[in-house]
């Protein structure tokens, strides 16, 4: 009886003890659960605070940017426009200066070309004028020679025919020089006095040609156009040698 009671009492204590343990475990679990809930609430609260703060900052930044961006954009636009304008101005100035330099070079070239052409044309005109003057002078000397022959002034006729032949060789009709040698030969055939040749030689030496009769004849004999009048000149040379061989009376 006593053992039974003892066992019953022990069982009751055990049950109470078990209940105490269970109660402690439940309490600990509940505390743990409460702690975890609070921790999660704190995290959620911190996250909410972070997002709230971030949104507020974002709104502030957007608001600021909304005010500043147009000014910044306008500044850069103005700067870009200024740079573009400066670039265009520089390009236009460079192109203008380049074109101006090209124009100067072109005009200089054209002026020099025109001057060169003018000088060449002037030289050609002068050459043709000189040819015309030579022909006129040659004709004049020819007429003087003919007149001197008629007057029997052979010492004057010889220089006139010589000068006429010399000038015709400087024209575009050099073949007319042989006509002068024909006239000169006819003139010499009438001379039988070597002093007349000496006088004719002095007249030539004192003229603008500054050559004696022999020097002028040598000039004709070595001229590049000698073939035009070779036979006529040979006849003149023969007549000159004839006169020089005449003995003084």
C-alpha atoms as a PDB file:
ATOM      1  CA  UNK A   1       0.000   0.000   0.000  1.00  0.00           C
ATOM      2  CA  UNK A   2       2.679   2.310   0.905  1.00  0.00           C
ATOM      3  CA  UNK A   3       4.634   1.404  -2.231  1.00  0.00           C
ATOM      4  CA  UNK A   4       1.658   2.046  -4.406  1.00  0.00           C
ATOM      5  CA  UNK A   5       1.155   5.439  -2.946  1.00  0.00           C
ATOM      6  CA  UNK A   6       4.787   6.201  -3.300  1.00  0.00           C
ATOM      7  CA  UNK A   7       4.758   5.219  -6.911  1.00  0.00           C
ATOM      8  CA  UNK A   8       1.685   7.309  -7.547  1.00  0.00           C
ATOM      9  CA  UNK A   9       3.275  10.272  -5.913  1.00  0.00           C
ATOM     10  CA  UNK A  10       6.411   9.790  -7.935  1.00  0.00           C
ATOM     11  CA  UNK A  11       4.397   9.593 -11.109  1.00  0.00           C
ATOM     12  CA  UNK A  12       2.587  12.776 -10.265  1.00  0.00           C
ATOM     13  CA  UNK A  13       5.865  14.567  -9.587  1.00  0.00           C
ATOM     14  CA  UNK A  14       7.187  13.280 -12.829  1.00  0.00           C
ATOM     15  CA  UNK A  15       4.139  14.541 -14.658  1.00  0.00           C
ATOM     16  CA  UNK A  16       4.447  17.920 -13.033  1.00  0.00           C
ATOM     17  CA  UNK A  17       8.138  17.973 -13.819  1.00  0.00           C
ATOM     18  CA  UNK A  18       7.425  17.012 -17.424  1.00  0.00           C
ATOM     19  CA  UNK A  19       4.847  19.727 -17.632  1.00  0.00           C
ATOM     20  CA  UNK A  20       7.391  22.156 -16.255  1.00  0.00           C
ATOM     21  CA  UNK A  21       9.884  21.098 -18.914  1.00  0.00           C
ATOM     22  CA  UNK A  22       7.284  21.373 -21.601  1.00  0.00           C
ATOM     23  CA  UNK A  23       6.291  24.740 -20.328  1.00  0.00           C
ATOM     24  CA  UNK A  24       9.926  25.853 -20.310  1.00  0.00           C
ATOM     25  CA  UNK A  25      10.470  24.557 -23.811  1.00  0.00           C
ATOM     26  CA  UNK A  26       7.340  26.298 -25.037  1.00  0.00           C
ATOM     27  CA  UNK A  27       8.403  29.463 -23.299  1.00  0.00           C
ATOM     28  CA  UNK A  28      11.886  29.270 -24.818  1.00  0.00           C
ATOM     29  CA  UNK A  29      10.429  28.535 -28.234  1.00  0.00           C
ATOM     30  CA  UNK A  30       7.987  31.375 -27.864  1.00  0.00           C
ATOM     31  CA  UNK A  31      10.785  33.703 -26.848  1.00  0.00           C
ATOM     32  CA  UNK A  32      12.841  32.525 -29.791  1.00  0.00           C
ATOM     33  CA  UNK A  33       9.899  33.061 -32.097  1.00  0.00           C
ATOM     34  CA  UNK A  34       9.260  36.503 -30.672  1.00  0.00           C
ATOM     35  CA  UNK A  35      12.952  37.362 -31.098  1.00  0.00           C
ATOM     36  CA  UNK A  36      12.987  36.233 -34.686  1.00  0.00           C
ATOM     37  CA  UNK A  37       9.795  38.164 -35.433  1.00  0.00           C
ATOM     38  CA  UNK A  38      11.258  41.289 -33.903  1.00  0.00           C
ATOM     39  CA  UNK A  39      14.527  40.805 -35.828  1.00  0.00           C
ATOM     40  CA  UNK A  40      12.624  40.412 -39.080  1.00  0.00           C
ATOM     41  CA  UNK A  41      10.516  43.436 -38.251  1.00  0.00           C
ATOM     42  CA  UNK A  42      13.690  45.424 -37.585  1.00  0.00           C
ATOM     43  CA  UNK A  43      15.173  44.300 -40.924  1.00  0.00           C
ATOM     44  CA  UNK A  44      11.933  45.108 -42.741  1.00  0.00           C
ATOM     45  CA  UNK A  45      11.820  48.474 -41.030  1.00  0.00           C
ATOM     46  CA  UNK A  46      15.445  49.187 -41.969  1.00  0.00           C
ATOM     47  CA  UNK A  47      14.776  48.135 -45.542  1.00  0.00           C
ATOM     48  CA  UNK A  48      11.695  50.343 -45.664  1.00  0.00           C
ATOM     49  CA  UNK A  49      13.661  53.220 -44.188  1.00  0.00           C
ATOM     50  CA  UNK A  50      16.425  52.648 -46.769  1.00  0.00           C
ATOM     51  CA  UNK A  51      13.988  52.581 -49.677  1.00  0.00           C
ATOM     52  CA  UNK A  52      12.106  55.566 -48.312  1.00  0.00           C
ATOM     53  CA  UNK A  53      15.349  57.445 -47.951  1.00  0.00           C
ATOM     54  CA  UNK A  54      16.516  56.301 -51.397  1.00  0.00           C
ATOM     55  CA  UNK A  55      13.250  57.347 -53.030  1.00  0.00           C
ATOM     56  CA  UNK A  56      13.395  60.697 -51.325  1.00  0.00           C
ATOM     57  CA  UNK A  57      17.008  61.164 -52.463  1.00  0.00           C
ATOM     58  CA  UNK A  58      16.102  60.016 -55.972  1.00  0.00           C
ATOM     59  CA  UNK A  59      13.186  62.437 -56.071  1.00  0.00           C
ATOM     60  CA  UNK A  60      15.464  65.216 -54.843  1.00  0.00           C
ATOM     61  CA  UNK A  61      18.143  64.317 -57.421  1.00  0.00           C
ATOM     62  CA  UNK A  62      15.552  64.139 -60.199  1.00  0.00           C
ATOM     63  CA  UNK A  63      14.126  67.474 -59.112  1.00  0.00           C
ATOM     64  CA  UNK A  64      17.568  69.050 -59.034  1.00  0.00           C
ATOM     65  CA  UNK A  65      18.487  67.492 -62.352  1.00  0.00           C
ATOM     66  CA  UNK A  66      15.182  68.623 -63.783  1.00  0.00           C
ATOM     67  CA  UNK A  67      16.223  72.169 -62.992  1.00  0.00           C
ATOM     68  CA  UNK A  68      19.943  71.852 -63.782  1.00  0.00           C
ATOM     69  CA  UNK A  69      19.839  69.647 -66.877  1.00  0.00           C
ATOM     70  CA  UNK A  70      18.226  72.311 -69.128  1.00  0.00           C
ATOM     71  CA  UNK A  71      20.794  74.827 -67.961  1.00  0.00           C
ATOM     72  CA  UNK A  72      23.610  72.342 -68.434  1.00  0.00           C
ATOM     73  CA  UNK A  73      22.239  71.273 -71.810  1.00  0.00           C
ATOM     74  CA  UNK A  74      21.844  74.908 -72.838  1.00  0.00           C
ATOM     75  CA  UNK A  75      25.400  75.627 -71.685  1.00  0.00           C
ATOM     76  CA  UNK A  76      26.835  72.779 -73.698  1.00  0.00           C
ATOM     77  CA  UNK A  77      24.662  73.707 -76.644  1.00  0.00           C
ATOM     78  CA  UNK A  78      25.952  77.251 -76.470  1.00  0.00           C
ATOM     79  CA  UNK A  79      29.493  75.981 -76.058  1.00  0.00           C
ATOM     80  CA  UNK A  80      29.076  73.596 -78.967  1.00  0.00           C
ATOM     81  CA  UNK A  81      27.494  76.369 -81.021  1.00  0.00           C
ATOM     82  CA  UNK A  82      30.391  78.651 -80.123  1.00  0.00           C
ATOM     83  CA  UNK A  83      32.930  75.964 -81.019  1.00  0.00           C
ATOM     84  CA  UNK A  84      31.058  75.177 -84.229  1.00  0.00           C
ATOM     85  CA  UNK A  85      30.850  78.862 -85.115  1.00  0.00           C
ATOM     86  CA  UNK A  86      34.550  79.303 -84.401  1.00  0.00           C
ATOM     87  CA  UNK A  87      35.360  76.218 -86.466  1.00  0.00           C
ATOM     88  CA  UNK A  88      33.247  77.440 -89.375  1.00  0.00           C
ATOM     89  CA  UNK A  89      34.754  80.918 -89.125  1.00  0.00           C
ATOM     90  CA  UNK A  90      38.270  79.473 -89.074  1.00  0.00           C
ATOM     91  CA  UNK A  91      37.492  77.209 -92.011  1.00  0.00           C
ATOM     92  CA  UNK A  92      35.997  80.114 -93.938  1.00  0.00           C
ATOM     93  CA  UNK A  93      38.995  82.305 -93.149  1.00  0.00           C
ATOM     94  CA  UNK A  94      41.407  79.534 -94.095  1.00  0.00           C
ATOM     95  CA  UNK A  95      39.491  78.845 -97.310  1.00  0.00           C
ATOM     96  CA  UNK A  96      39.281  82.554 -98.078  1.00  0.00           C
ATOM     97  CA  UNK A  97      42.990  83.039 -97.439  1.00  0.00           C
ATOM     98  CA  UNK A  98      43.777  79.933 -99.483  1.00  0.00           C
ATOM     99  CA  UNK A  99      41.569  81.081-102.359  1.00  0.00           C
ATOM    100  CA  UNK A 100      43.046  84.575-102.108  1.00  0.00           C
ATOM    101  CA  UNK A 101      46.562  83.150-102.255  1.00  0.00           C
ATOM    102  CA  UNK A 102      45.608  80.935-105.184  1.00  0.00           C
ATOM    103  CA  UNK A 103      44.075  83.953-106.902  1.00  0.00           C
ATOM    104  CA  UNK A 104      47.229  85.978-106.292  1.00  0.00           C
ATOM    105  CA  UNK A 105      49.401  83.200-107.700  1.00  0.00           C
ATOM    106  CA  UNK A 106      47.042  82.736-110.645  1.00  0.00           C
ATOM    107  CA  UNK A 107      46.900  86.477-111.345  1.00  0.00           C
ATOM    108  CA  UNK A 108      50.657  86.747-110.992  1.00  0.00           C
ATOM    109  CA  UNK A 109      51.076  83.865-113.417  1.00  0.00           C
ATOM    110  CA  UNK A 110      48.589  85.391-115.827  1.00  0.00           C
ATOM    111  CA  UNK A 111      50.254  88.796-115.583  1.00  0.00           C
ATOM    112  CA  UNK A 112      53.696  87.288-116.127  1.00  0.00           C
ATOM    113  CA  UNK A 113      52.344  85.244-119.024  1.00  0.00           C
ATOM    114  CA  UNK A 114      50.706  88.330-120.500  1.00  0.00           C
ATOM    115  CA  UNK A 115      53.916  90.315-120.058  1.00  0.00           C
ATOM    116  CA  UNK A 116      55.925  87.519-121.647  1.00  0.00           C
ATOM    117  CA  UNK A 117      53.488  87.310-124.559  1.00  0.00           C
ATOM    118  CA  UNK A 118      53.551  91.091-124.861  1.00  0.00           C
ATOM    119  CA  UNK A 119      57.351  91.139-124.867  1.00  0.00           C
ATOM    120  CA  UNK A 120      57.453  88.363-127.453  1.00  0.00           C
ATOM    121  CA  UNK A 121      54.879  90.166-129.573  1.00  0.00           C
ATOM    122  CA  UNK A 122      56.791  93.403-129.161  1.00  0.00           C
ATOM    123  CA  UNK A 123      60.030  91.699-130.155  1.00  0.00           C
ATOM    124  CA  UNK A 124      58.270  90.190-133.161  1.00  0.00           C
ATOM    125  CA  UNK A 125      56.880  93.592-134.122  1.00  0.00           C
ATOM    126  CA  UNK A 126      60.307  95.142-133.668  1.00  0.00           C
ATOM    127  CA  UNK A 127      61.856  92.352-135.739  1.00  0.00           C
ATOM    128  CA  UNK A 128      59.350  92.863-138.546  1.00  0.00           C
ATOM    129  CA  UNK A 129      59.774  96.624-138.341  1.00  0.00           C
ATOM    130  CA  UNK A 130      63.526  96.191-138.519  1.00  0.00           C
ATOM    131  CA  UNK A 131      63.119  93.952-141.555  1.00  0.00           C
ATOM    132  CA  UNK A 132      60.942  96.588-143.211  1.00  0.00           C
ATOM    133  CA  UNK A 133      63.484  99.297-142.343  1.00  0.00           C
ATOM    134  CA  UNK A 134      66.291  97.126-143.687  1.00  0.00           C
ATOM    135  CA  UNK A 135      64.397  96.663-146.939  1.00  0.00           C
ATOM    136  CA  UNK A 136      63.754 100.401-147.196  1.00  0.00           C
ATOM    137  CA  UNK A 137      67.404 101.212-146.494  1.00  0.00           C
ATOM    138  CA  UNK A 138      68.538  98.498-148.895  1.00  0.00           C
ATOM    139  CA  UNK A 139      66.315  99.952-151.629  1.00  0.00           C
ATOM    140  CA  UNK A 140      67.582 103.445-150.828  1.00  0.00           C
ATOM    141  CA  UNK A 141      71.243 102.372-151.103  1.00  0.00           C
ATOM    142  CA  UNK A 142      70.450 100.552-154.353  1.00  0.00           C
ATOM    143  CA  UNK A 143      68.960 103.745-155.829  1.00  0.00           C
ATOM    144  CA  UNK A 144      71.933 105.755-154.571  1.00  0.00           C
ATOM    145  CA  UNK A 145      74.272 103.289-156.235  1.00  0.00           C
ATOM    146  CA  UNK A 146      72.405 103.515-159.534  1.00  0.00           C
ATOM    147  CA  UNK A 147      72.450 107.320-159.378  1.00  0.00           C
ATOM    148  CA  UNK A 148      76.186 107.299-158.591  1.00  0.00           C
ATOM    149  CA  UNK A 149      76.884 105.017-161.561  1.00  0.00           C
ATOM    150  CA  UNK A 150      75.037 107.398-163.850  1.00  0.00           C
ATOM    151  CA  UNK A 151      77.176 110.228-162.442  1.00  0.00           C
ATOM    152  CA  UNK A 152      80.267 108.014-162.845  1.00  0.00           C
ATOM    153  CA  UNK A 153      80.919 108.464-159.098  1.00  0.00           C
ATOM    154  CA  UNK A 154      82.034 104.852-158.810  1.00  0.00           C
ATOM    155  CA  UNK A 155      83.766 105.379-155.447  1.00  0.00           C
ATOM    156  CA  UNK A 156      80.285 106.193-154.083  1.00  0.00           C
ATOM    157  CA  UNK A 157      78.401 103.561-156.076  1.00  0.00           C
ATOM    158  CA  UNK A 158      80.555 100.695-154.720  1.00  0.00           C
ATOM    159  CA  UNK A 159      79.725 101.371-150.991  1.00  0.00           C
ATOM    160  CA  UNK A 160      76.047 101.870-151.878  1.00  0.00           C
ATOM    161  CA  UNK A 161      75.737  98.456-153.592  1.00  0.00           C
ATOM    162  CA  UNK A 162      77.746  96.794-150.792  1.00  0.00           C
ATOM    163  CA  UNK A 163      75.453  98.267-148.104  1.00  0.00           C
ATOM    164  CA  UNK A 164      72.347  97.323-150.066  1.00  0.00           C
ATOM    165  CA  UNK A 165      73.508  93.693-150.396  1.00  0.00           C
ATOM    166  CA  UNK A 166      74.399  93.592-146.684  1.00  0.00           C
ATOM    167  CA  UNK A 167      70.926  94.827-145.672  1.00  0.00           C
ATOM    168  CA  UNK A 168      69.032  92.494-148.008  1.00  0.00           C
ATOM    169  CA  UNK A 169      70.674  89.540-146.244  1.00  0.00           C
ATOM    170  CA  UNK A 170      68.978  90.786-143.036  1.00  0.00           C
ATOM    171  CA  UNK A 171      65.495  90.717-144.580  1.00  0.00           C
ATOM    172  CA  UNK A 172      63.035  88.020-145.586  1.00  0.00           C
ATOM    173  CA  UNK A 173      64.162  88.409-149.208  1.00  0.00           C
ATOM    174  CA  UNK A 174      67.902  87.724-148.995  1.00  0.00           C
ATOM    175  CA  UNK A 175      67.974  86.535-152.614  1.00  0.00           C
ATOM    176  CA  UNK A 176      67.786  90.198-153.718  1.00  0.00           C
ATOM    177  CA  UNK A 177      71.388  90.556-152.526  1.00  0.00           C
ATOM    178  CA  UNK A 178      72.576  88.900-155.748  1.00  0.00           C
ATOM    179  CA  UNK A 179      71.025  91.759-157.758  1.00  0.00           C
ATOM    180  CA  UNK A 180      73.371  94.116-155.917  1.00  0.00           C
ATOM    181  CA  UNK A 181      76.370  91.985-156.790  1.00  0.00           C
ATOM    182  CA  UNK A 182      75.286  92.115-160.439  1.00  0.00           C
ATOM    183  CA  UNK A 183      75.148  95.925-160.256  1.00  0.00           C
ATOM    184  CA  UNK A 184      78.443  95.972-158.362  1.00  0.00           C
ATOM    185  CA  UNK A 185      80.135  93.876-161.049  1.00  0.00           C
ATOM    186  CA  UNK A 186      78.848  96.194-163.811  1.00  0.00           C
ATOM    187  CA  UNK A 187      80.110  99.148-161.795  1.00  0.00           C
ATOM    188  CA  UNK A 188      83.577  97.605-161.314  1.00  0.00           C
ATOM    189  CA  UNK A 189      83.899  96.840-165.013  1.00  0.00           C
ATOM    190  CA  UNK A 190      83.997 100.592-165.649  1.00  0.00           C
ATOM    191  CA  UNK A 191      86.886 101.121-163.220  1.00  0.00           C
ATOM    192  CA  UNK A 192      90.518 101.071-164.289  1.00  0.00           C
ATOM    193  CA  UNK A 193      91.970 102.965-161.366  1.00  0.00           C
ATOM    194  CA  UNK A 194      92.727 101.183-158.073  1.00  0.00           C
ATOM    195  CA  UNK A 195      92.531 104.478-156.173  1.00  0.00           C
ATOM    196  CA  UNK A 196      88.767 104.388-156.712  1.00  0.00           C
ATOM    197  CA  UNK A 197      88.667 101.101-154.724  1.00  0.00           C
ATOM    198  CA  UNK A 198      90.753 102.712-151.995  1.00  0.00           C
ATOM    199  CA  UNK A 199      88.346 105.654-151.781  1.00  0.00           C
ATOM    200  CA  UNK A 200      85.349 103.293-151.720  1.00  0.00           C
ATOM    201  CA  UNK A 201      87.048 101.294-148.934  1.00  0.00           C
ATOM    202  CA  UNK A 202      87.575 104.477-146.881  1.00  0.00           C
ATOM    203  CA  UNK A 203      83.906 105.431-147.262  1.00  0.00           C
ATOM    204  CA  UNK A 204      82.858 102.009-145.947  1.00  0.00           C
ATOM    205  CA  UNK A 205      85.294 102.159-143.023  1.00  0.00           C
ATOM    206  CA  UNK A 206      84.007 105.563-141.943  1.00  0.00           C
ATOM    207  CA  UNK A 207      80.363 104.463-142.113  1.00  0.00           C
ATOM    208  CA  UNK A 208      78.377 102.655-139.438  1.00  0.00           C
ATOM    209  CA  UNK A 209      79.680  99.307-140.781  1.00  0.00           C
ATOM    210  CA  UNK A 210      83.283 100.225-139.924  1.00  0.00           C
ATOM    211  CA  UNK A 211      84.700  97.681-142.380  1.00  0.00           C
ATOM    212  CA  UNK A 212      86.962  98.057-145.360  1.00  0.00           C
ATOM    213  CA  UNK A 213      85.955  96.856-148.822  1.00  0.00           C
ATOM    214  CA  UNK A 214      88.007  93.683-148.461  1.00  0.00           C
ATOM    215  CA  UNK A 215      86.463  92.952-145.035  1.00  0.00           C
ATOM    216  CA  UNK A 216      82.944  93.393-146.421  1.00  0.00           C
ATOM    217  CA  UNK A 217      83.695  91.082-149.366  1.00  0.00           C
ATOM    218  CA  UNK A 218      85.110  88.498-146.945  1.00  0.00           C
ATOM    219  CA  UNK A 219      81.915  88.813-144.872  1.00  0.00           C
ATOM    220  CA  UNK A 220      79.810  87.992-147.945  1.00  0.00           C
ATOM    221  CA  UNK A 221      82.137  85.159-148.909  1.00  0.00           C
ATOM    222  CA  UNK A 222      81.767  83.438-145.491  1.00  0.00           C
ATOM    223  CA  UNK A 223      78.056  84.146-145.032  1.00  0.00           C
ATOM    224  CA  UNK A 224      75.650  81.215-144.397  1.00  0.00           C
ATOM    225  CA  UNK A 225      73.554  82.301-147.418  1.00  0.00           C
ATOM    226  CA  UNK A 226      76.511  82.459-149.787  1.00  0.00           C
ATOM    227  CA  UNK A 227      74.964  79.860-152.103  1.00  0.00           C
ATOM    228  CA  UNK A 228      72.263  82.378-153.069  1.00  0.00           C
ATOM    229  CA  UNK A 229      74.786  84.662-154.775  1.00  0.00           C
ATOM    230  CA  UNK A 230      77.979  82.626-155.027  1.00  0.00           C
ATOM    231  CA  UNK A 231      78.546  83.017-158.797  1.00  0.00           C
ATOM    232  CA  UNK A 232      77.776  86.740-158.751  1.00  0.00           C
ATOM    233  CA  UNK A 233      80.101  87.317-155.813  1.00  0.00           C
ATOM    234  CA  UNK A 234      82.876  85.394-157.536  1.00  0.00           C
ATOM    235  CA  UNK A 235      82.493  87.700-160.514  1.00  0.00           C
ATOM    236  CA  UNK A 236      82.795  90.723-158.209  1.00  0.00           C
ATOM    237  CA  UNK A 237      85.910  89.290-156.542  1.00  0.00           C
ATOM    238  CA  UNK A 238      87.483  88.702-159.934  1.00  0.00           C
ATOM    239  CA  UNK A 239      86.819  92.299-160.958  1.00  0.00           C
ATOM    240  CA  UNK A 240      88.301  93.573-157.697  1.00  0.00           C
ATOM    241  CA  UNK A 241      91.455  91.517-158.254  1.00  0.00           C
ATOM    242  CA  UNK A 242      91.637  92.873-161.798  1.00  0.00           C
ATOM    243  CA  UNK A 243      91.478  96.469-160.628  1.00  0.00           C
ATOM    244  CA  UNK A 244      94.050  95.877-157.869  1.00  0.00           C
ATOM    245  CA  UNK A 245      96.461  94.435-160.395  1.00  0.00           C
ATOM    246  CA  UNK A 246      96.358  97.566-162.543  1.00  0.00           C
ATOM    247  CA  UNK A 247      99.660  99.400-162.531  1.00  0.00           C
ATOM    248  CA  UNK A 248      99.604 103.002-161.532  1.00  0.00           C
ATOM    249  CA  UNK A 249     100.310 105.157-164.586  1.00  0.00           C
END
